[in-house]
Amino acid sequence: MTARLIVCVTCDRMADPVPPKTRGAALAEAVEARAAVRGEALSVTRVDCLDGCPRPCNAALKARGKPLRRFSNLSPAMVDALIDAARAYAADRDGRLPPDLAARLGPHAR
């Protein structure tokens, strides 16, 4: 797999009080753990912002020559769908996702 999954780990910074572990940090850990169980070589990069604070828990897929695909309002229940999306994104020349897979990641996938 040659796609990189980018996960915002600061989405909960607007909460009062800020939790000790943000939802994004928990998502990044869950993706890494599940990818290892599945035998997927997935690069996960943690960043401080993906500009999706109104719908927190954001991740994006990025690869050379392909448009960035961002997903918002994610939850740990979506980890398998996110890994499947990374695989499909990497496999498609233009980074397109099958509609059913995009739908599994919610209405805010773009």
Protein backbone atom coordinates (compact mmCIF):
# COMPACT_ATOMS: atom_id res chain seq x y z
CA MET A 1 0.00 0.00 0.00
CA THR A 2 1.45 3.40 -0.92
CA ALA A 3 -1.16 5.72 0.53
CA ARG A 4 -0.49 7.65 3.70
CA LEU A 5 -3.23 8.08 6.29
CA ILE A 6 -3.08 11.41 8.09
CA VAL A 7 -4.99 11.74 11.37
CA CYS A 8 -5.68 14.96 13.26
CA VAL A 9 -4.86 14.41 16.92
CA THR A 10 -6.00 17.80 18.25
CA CYS A 11 -9.68 17.90 17.28
CA ASP A 12 -10.78 17.86 20.93
CA ARG A 13 -8.69 20.92 21.80
CA MET A 14 -11.90 23.00 21.77
CA ALA A 15 -13.44 20.84 24.52
CA ASP A 16 -13.52 22.07 28.07
CA PRO A 17 -11.66 20.40 29.63
CA VAL A 18 -9.41 18.99 26.93
CA PRO A 19 -9.33 15.19 27.34
CA PRO A 20 -6.01 13.49 28.14
CA LYS A 21 -6.31 11.50 24.88
CA THR A 22 -8.16 13.05 21.96
CA ARG A 23 -10.49 11.08 19.73
CA GLY A 24 -8.02 11.55 16.89
CA ALA A 25 -5.15 10.11 18.92
CA ALA A 26 -7.34 7.14 19.88
CA LEU A 27 -8.31 6.68 16.21
CA ALA A 28 -4.67 6.75 15.06
CA GLU A 29 -3.75 4.11 17.66
CA ALA A 30 -6.76 1.95 16.72
CA VAL A 31 -5.91 2.14 13.00
CA GLU A 32 -2.29 1.17 13.61
CA ALA A 33 -3.30 -1.76 15.84
CA ARG A 34 -5.96 -3.03 13.44
CA ALA A 35 -3.71 -2.61 10.39
CA ALA A 36 -1.06 -4.72 12.15
CA VAL A 37 -3.63 -7.45 12.91
CA ARG A 38 -4.76 -7.39 9.28
CA GLY A 39 -1.17 -7.45 8.00
CA GLU A 40 -1.60 -4.10 6.23
CA ALA A 41 1.46 -1.91 5.69
CA LEU A 42 -0.23 1.43 6.34
CA SER A 43 1.67 4.60 7.13
CA VAL A 44 -0.17 6.68 9.75
CA THR A 45 0.93 10.27 10.29
CA ARG A 46 -0.37 12.33 13.19
CA VAL A 47 -0.88 16.06 12.55
CA ASP A 48 -2.14 18.98 14.60
CA CYS A 49 -4.92 20.05 12.23
CA LEU A 50 -6.87 18.97 9.15
CA ASP A 51 -9.21 21.99 9.30
CA GLY A 52 -12.28 19.98 10.26
CA CYS A 53 -12.94 21.18 13.82
CA PRO A 54 -16.71 21.64 13.34
CA ARG A 55 -16.92 17.85 12.67
CA PRO A 56 -14.08 16.50 14.80
CA CYS A 57 -12.14 13.32 14.40
CA ASN A 58 -10.69 13.87 10.94
CA ALA A 59 -8.40 11.81 8.76
CA ALA A 60 -7.16 12.11 5.21
CA LEU A 61 -5.57 9.94 2.57
CA LYS A 62 -2.68 11.32 0.57
CA ALA A 63 -0.47 9.92 -2.17
CA ARG A 64 1.73 11.41 -4.85
CA GLY A 65 -0.26 12.52 -7.89
CA LYS A 66 -3.67 11.97 -6.26
CA PRO A 67 -6.09 14.40 -4.67
CA LEU A 68 -6.26 14.41 -0.90
CA ARG A 69 -9.39 12.66 0.45
CA ARG A 70 -10.59 13.89 3.84
CA PHE A 71 -13.05 12.21 6.19
CA SER A 72 -14.74 13.89 9.16
CA ASN A 73 -16.69 12.82 12.21
CA LEU A 74 -14.94 9.46 12.38
CA SER A 75 -15.15 6.95 15.21
CA PRO A 76 -13.17 3.85 16.20
CA ALA A 77 -16.02 1.76 14.76
CA MET A 78 -14.89 2.97 11.31
CA VAL A 79 -11.32 1.68 11.54
CA ASP A 80 -11.83 -1.22 9.11
CA ALA A 81 -13.59 1.06 6.62
CA LEU A 82 -10.73 3.55 6.87
CA ILE A 83 -8.13 0.84 6.21
CA ASP A 84 -10.23 -0.47 3.30
CA ALA A 85 -10.42 3.09 1.95
CA ALA A 86 -6.65 3.46 2.18
CA ARG A 87 -6.19 0.25 0.20
CA ALA A 88 -8.74 1.28 -2.47
CA TYR A 89 -7.28 4.79 -2.69
CA ALA A 90 -3.76 3.41 -3.16
CA ALA A 91 -4.95 0.94 -5.81
CA ASP A 92 -6.91 3.44 -7.89
CA ARG A 93 -4.84 5.50 -10.32
CA ASP A 94 -6.84 8.66 -9.52
CA GLY A 95 -7.46 7.94 -5.83
CA ARG A 96 -11.17 7.31 -6.30
CA LEU A 97 -13.13 5.33 -3.74
CA PRO A 98 -16.02 3.02 -4.54
CA PRO A 99 -19.31 4.73 -3.53
CA ASP A 100 -20.22 2.01 -1.04
CA LEU A 101 -16.88 2.40 0.73
CA ALA A 102 -17.16 6.18 0.83
CA ALA A 103 -20.65 5.77 2.29
CA ARG A 104 -19.24 3.59 5.11
CA LEU A 105 -17.11 6.57 6.13
CA GLY A 106 -20.07 8.91 6.37
CA PRO A 107 -21.60 11.86 4.61
CA HIS A 108 -18.62 14.14 5.21
CA ALA A 109 -16.17 12.18 3.06
CA ARG A 110 -14.65 14.42 0.40
